[in-house]
């Protein structure tokens, strides 16, 4: 990835008033990806909406890292199930129209 597609993690932390350790904790939990370039830590711009959601859970709702992991897992499962429902509904519609 190019550095233009990334934001420095320390800039994100300052803007959102969080510790860089929180970013590392999210990375260690597999919730986000970070990149090291010349001893600086960067977050891909594509992950910013997800990262901001995790920060809101942590700061505004006072949810710890384990809770964030659980919520993220359950939301992903719900999303997968919704996609499966749409797929099955489309298949059912196809059979009903025959």
C-alpha atoms as a PDB file:
ATOM      1  CA  UNK A   1       0.000   0.000   0.000  1.00  0.00           C
ATOM      2  CA  UNK A   2       1.090   3.521  -0.642  1.00  0.00           C
ATOM      3  CA  UNK A   3       1.585   5.998   2.182  1.00  0.00           C
ATOM      4  CA  UNK A   4      -1.045   8.242   0.522  1.00  0.00           C
ATOM      5  CA  UNK A   5      -3.621   5.568   1.364  1.00  0.00           C
ATOM      6  CA  UNK A   6      -2.642   5.555   5.021  1.00  0.00           C
ATOM      7  CA  UNK A   7      -2.973   7.809   8.009  1.00  0.00           C
ATOM      8  CA  UNK A   8      -0.358   7.958  10.764  1.00  0.00           C
ATOM      9  CA  UNK A   9      -1.669   6.131  13.821  1.00  0.00           C
ATOM     10  CA  UNK A  10      -0.302   8.771  16.186  1.00  0.00           C
ATOM     11  CA  UNK A  11      -2.284  11.471  14.330  1.00  0.00           C
ATOM     12  CA  UNK A  12      -5.436   9.372  14.639  1.00  0.00           C
ATOM     13  CA  UNK A  13      -4.765   8.833  18.347  1.00  0.00           C
ATOM     14  CA  UNK A  14      -4.263  12.540  19.004  1.00  0.00           C
ATOM     15  CA  UNK A  15      -7.424  13.428  17.079  1.00  0.00           C
ATOM     16  CA  UNK A  16      -9.528  10.846  18.969  1.00  0.00           C
ATOM     17  CA  UNK A  17      -7.765  11.258  22.327  1.00  0.00           C
ATOM     18  CA  UNK A  18      -6.738   7.597  22.669  1.00  0.00           C
ATOM     19  CA  UNK A  19      -3.490   5.849  23.458  1.00  0.00           C
ATOM     20  CA  UNK A  20      -1.415   4.231  20.723  1.00  0.00           C
ATOM     21  CA  UNK A  21      -1.510   1.116  22.911  1.00  0.00           C
ATOM     22  CA  UNK A  22      -5.232   0.817  22.103  1.00  0.00           C
ATOM     23  CA  UNK A  23      -4.388   0.647  18.386  1.00  0.00           C
ATOM     24  CA  UNK A  24      -1.841  -2.093  19.103  1.00  0.00           C
ATOM     25  CA  UNK A  25      -4.414  -3.966  21.215  1.00  0.00           C
ATOM     26  CA  UNK A  26      -6.919  -3.877  18.359  1.00  0.00           C
ATOM     27  CA  UNK A  27      -4.226  -5.111  15.994  1.00  0.00           C
ATOM     28  CA  UNK A  28      -3.227  -7.928  18.358  1.00  0.00           C
ATOM     29  CA  UNK A  29      -6.886  -8.961  18.575  1.00  0.00           C
ATOM     30  CA  UNK A  30      -7.109  -9.091  14.792  1.00  0.00           C
ATOM     31  CA  UNK A  31      -9.697  -6.313  14.629  1.00  0.00           C
ATOM     32  CA  UNK A  32      -7.614  -3.924  12.493  1.00  0.00           C
ATOM     33  CA  UNK A  33      -4.488  -3.977  10.391  1.00  0.00           C
ATOM     34  CA  UNK A  34      -1.600  -1.594  10.804  1.00  0.00           C
ATOM     35  CA  UNK A  35       1.532  -1.064   8.755  1.00  0.00           C
ATOM     36  CA  UNK A  36       4.993  -0.058   9.891  1.00  0.00           C
ATOM     37  CA  UNK A  37       6.873   2.239   7.506  1.00  0.00           C
ATOM     38  CA  UNK A  38      10.226   3.622   8.608  1.00  0.00           C
ATOM     39  CA  UNK A  39       9.477   3.075  12.297  1.00  0.00           C
ATOM     40  CA  UNK A  40       6.095   4.841  12.063  1.00  0.00           C
ATOM     41  CA  UNK A  41       2.745   3.125  12.451  1.00  0.00           C
ATOM     42  CA  UNK A  42       0.045   3.715   9.836  1.00  0.00           C
ATOM     43  CA  UNK A  43      -3.603   2.705   9.544  1.00  0.00           C
ATOM     44  CA  UNK A  44      -5.104   2.137   6.075  1.00  0.00           C
ATOM     45  CA  UNK A  45      -7.672   4.791   5.192  1.00  0.00           C
ATOM     46  CA  UNK A  46     -10.093   2.028   4.195  1.00  0.00           C
ATOM     47  CA  UNK A  47     -10.199   0.895   7.843  1.00  0.00           C
ATOM     48  CA  UNK A  48     -10.918   4.315   9.341  1.00  0.00           C
ATOM     49  CA  UNK A  49     -14.726   3.933   9.554  1.00  0.00           C
ATOM     50  CA  UNK A  50     -14.331   0.563  11.312  1.00  0.00           C
ATOM     51  CA  UNK A  51     -11.606   1.914  13.602  1.00  0.00           C
ATOM     52  CA  UNK A  52     -13.719   4.954  14.497  1.00  0.00           C
ATOM     53  CA  UNK A  53     -16.627   2.650  15.354  1.00  0.00           C
ATOM     54  CA  UNK A  54     -14.349   0.635  17.659  1.00  0.00           C
ATOM     55  CA  UNK A  55     -13.087   3.813  19.315  1.00  0.00           C
ATOM     56  CA  UNK A  56     -16.686   4.964  19.936  1.00  0.00           C
ATOM     57  CA  UNK A  57     -17.511   1.604  21.535  1.00  0.00           C
ATOM     58  CA  UNK A  58     -14.446   1.954  23.738  1.00  0.00           C
ATOM     59  CA  UNK A  59     -14.827   5.612  24.704  1.00  0.00           C
ATOM     60  CA  UNK A  60     -18.508   6.459  24.609  1.00  0.00           C
ATOM     61  CA  UNK A  61     -19.937   3.140  25.720  1.00  0.00           C
ATOM     62  CA  UNK A  62     -17.000   2.207  27.980  1.00  0.00           C
ATOM     63  CA  UNK A  63     -16.719  -1.287  26.479  1.00  0.00           C
ATOM     64  CA  UNK A  64     -13.462  -3.112  27.109  1.00  0.00           C
ATOM     65  CA  UNK A  65     -11.405  -4.863  24.430  1.00  0.00           C
ATOM     66  CA  UNK A  66     -12.964  -8.272  25.087  1.00  0.00           C
ATOM     67  CA  UNK A  67     -16.429  -6.774  24.721  1.00  0.00           C
ATOM     68  CA  UNK A  68     -15.410  -5.071  21.483  1.00  0.00           C
ATOM     69  CA  UNK A  69     -14.112  -8.401  20.158  1.00  0.00           C
ATOM     70  CA  UNK A  70     -17.412 -10.080  21.033  1.00  0.00           C
ATOM     71  CA  UNK A  71     -19.526  -7.311  19.513  1.00  0.00           C
ATOM     72  CA  UNK A  72     -17.458  -7.336  16.321  1.00  0.00           C
ATOM     73  CA  UNK A  73     -17.768 -11.118  16.042  1.00  0.00           C
ATOM     74  CA  UNK A  74     -21.537 -11.053  16.572  1.00  0.00           C
ATOM     75  CA  UNK A  75     -22.038  -8.197  14.100  1.00  0.00           C
ATOM     76  CA  UNK A  76     -20.046 -10.120  11.501  1.00  0.00           C
ATOM     77  CA  UNK A  77     -22.167 -13.229  12.102  1.00  0.00           C
ATOM     78  CA  UNK A  78     -25.348 -11.180  11.744  1.00  0.00           C
ATOM     79  CA  UNK A  79     -24.068  -9.677   8.504  1.00  0.00           C
ATOM     80  CA  UNK A  80     -23.211 -13.149   7.177  1.00  0.00           C
ATOM     81  CA  UNK A  81     -26.685 -14.416   8.093  1.00  0.00           C
ATOM     82  CA  UNK A  82     -28.354 -11.425   6.421  1.00  0.00           C
ATOM     83  CA  UNK A  83     -26.415 -12.118   3.237  1.00  0.00           C
ATOM     84  CA  UNK A  84     -27.446 -15.766   3.388  1.00  0.00           C
ATOM     85  CA  UNK A  85     -31.108 -14.756   3.868  1.00  0.00           C
ATOM     86  CA  UNK A  86     -30.938 -12.513   0.801  1.00  0.00           C
ATOM     87  CA  UNK A  87     -29.335 -15.321  -1.200  1.00  0.00           C
ATOM     88  CA  UNK A  88     -31.976 -17.827  -0.121  1.00  0.00           C
ATOM     89  CA  UNK A  89     -34.763 -15.324  -0.766  1.00  0.00           C
ATOM     90  CA  UNK A  90     -33.456 -14.760  -4.285  1.00  0.00           C
ATOM     91  CA  UNK A  91     -33.359 -18.510  -4.895  1.00  0.00           C
ATOM     92  CA  UNK A  92     -36.886 -18.891  -3.548  1.00  0.00           C
ATOM     93  CA  UNK A  93     -38.139 -16.065  -5.784  1.00  0.00           C
ATOM     94  CA  UNK A  94     -36.616 -17.778  -8.779  1.00  0.00           C
ATOM     95  CA  UNK A  95     -38.482 -21.019  -8.003  1.00  0.00           C
ATOM     96  CA  UNK A  96     -41.743 -19.215  -7.301  1.00  0.00           C
ATOM     97  CA  UNK A  97     -41.587 -17.449 -10.675  1.00  0.00           C
ATOM     98  CA  UNK A  98     -41.213 -20.692 -12.629  1.00  0.00           C
END
